[in-house]
């Protein structure tokens, strides 16, 4: 499972697009990268027998229902000295 995760990170590395960029994936792509890691890990767990075999749709549904979705409140900076 660790190898499956490492392969996904490697495939998503920015350096694949441009050698001058970071070895790690961009944080702007973190949701997609996390999803791919979850999927690859799930498949590897099934193949090694540590997780029950479920359908592709069940894997996707499980990831969608459990993955953290960011939801930030927009803050407007206000100078406390302004009235």
Protein backbone atom coordinates (compact mmCIF):
# COMPACT_ATOMS: atom_id res chain seq x y z
CA UNK A 1 0.00 0.00 0.00
CA UNK A 2 2.90 2.32 0.75
CA UNK A 3 4.35 1.64 -2.70
CA UNK A 4 0.99 2.38 -4.30
CA UNK A 5 0.88 5.70 -2.47
CA UNK A 6 4.47 6.55 -3.46
CA UNK A 7 3.72 5.78 -7.12
CA UNK A 8 0.78 8.19 -7.12
CA UNK A 9 2.84 10.94 -5.52
CA UNK A 10 5.57 10.31 -8.09
CA UNK A 11 3.09 10.45 -10.98
CA UNK A 12 1.64 13.72 -9.64
CA UNK A 13 5.03 15.34 -9.08
CA UNK A 14 5.38 18.80 -10.58
CA UNK A 15 8.87 17.89 -11.78
CA UNK A 16 7.24 15.66 -14.42
CA UNK A 17 5.96 18.82 -16.12
CA UNK A 18 8.96 21.04 -15.53
CA UNK A 19 12.33 19.95 -14.10
CA UNK A 20 12.69 23.27 -12.29
CA UNK A 21 9.52 22.72 -10.23
CA UNK A 22 9.03 20.91 -6.93
CA UNK A 23 9.41 17.18 -6.52
CA UNK A 24 6.12 17.11 -4.62
CA UNK A 25 2.67 17.72 -6.09
CA UNK A 26 1.27 21.24 -5.92
CA UNK A 27 -0.95 22.06 -2.96
CA UNK A 28 -3.49 23.42 -5.42
CA UNK A 29 -3.91 19.81 -6.62
CA UNK A 30 -4.11 18.29 -3.14
CA UNK A 31 -7.74 17.16 -3.43
CA UNK A 32 -7.12 15.27 -6.68
CA UNK A 33 -3.84 13.82 -5.42
CA UNK A 34 -5.47 12.70 -2.17
CA UNK A 35 -8.28 11.05 -4.10
CA UNK A 36 -5.80 9.18 -6.32
CA UNK A 37 -3.81 8.07 -3.27
CA UNK A 38 -6.96 6.80 -1.56
CA UNK A 39 -7.99 4.88 -4.66
CA UNK A 40 -4.55 3.33 -5.22
CA UNK A 41 -4.25 2.39 -1.55
CA UNK A 42 -7.69 0.79 -1.60
CA UNK A 43 -6.85 -1.29 -4.64
CA UNK A 44 -3.51 -2.37 -3.13
CA UNK A 45 -5.23 -3.33 0.13
CA UNK A 46 -7.67 -5.50 -1.80
CA UNK A 47 -4.90 -7.13 -3.82
CA UNK A 48 -2.91 -8.01 -0.70
CA UNK A 49 -5.99 -9.37 1.06
CA UNK A 50 -6.13 -6.90 3.95
CA UNK A 51 -9.34 -5.31 2.70
CA UNK A 52 -12.49 -6.92 1.33
CA UNK A 53 -12.93 -6.85 -2.42
CA UNK A 54 -15.59 -4.32 -3.37
CA UNK A 55 -16.70 -2.91 -6.70
CA UNK A 56 -15.08 0.08 -8.38
CA UNK A 57 -18.23 2.08 -7.71
CA UNK A 58 -18.12 1.19 -4.02
CA UNK A 59 -14.49 2.32 -3.83
CA UNK A 60 -15.34 5.65 -5.45
CA UNK A 61 -18.44 6.11 -3.28
CA UNK A 62 -16.48 5.34 -0.13
CA UNK A 63 -13.73 7.79 -1.02
CA UNK A 64 -16.25 10.51 -1.87
CA UNK A 65 -18.11 10.03 1.40
CA UNK A 66 -14.96 9.99 3.55
CA UNK A 67 -12.55 12.43 1.93
CA UNK A 68 -12.18 15.77 3.64
CA UNK A 69 -13.61 18.60 1.59
CA UNK A 70 -12.21 22.00 2.41
CA UNK A 71 -14.69 24.67 3.29
CA UNK A 72 -13.21 27.94 4.41
CA UNK A 73 -15.06 31.06 5.45
CA UNK A 74 -13.92 34.12 3.56
CA UNK A 75 -12.48 36.72 5.87
CA UNK A 76 -12.23 40.38 5.07
CA UNK A 77 -9.39 42.17 6.76
CA UNK A 78 -10.45 45.29 8.50
CA UNK A 79 -8.20 47.78 10.16
CA UNK A 80 -9.39 48.14 13.78
CA UNK A 81 -8.49 51.81 13.65
CA UNK A 82 -10.93 52.46 10.78
CA UNK A 83 -14.39 53.52 11.82
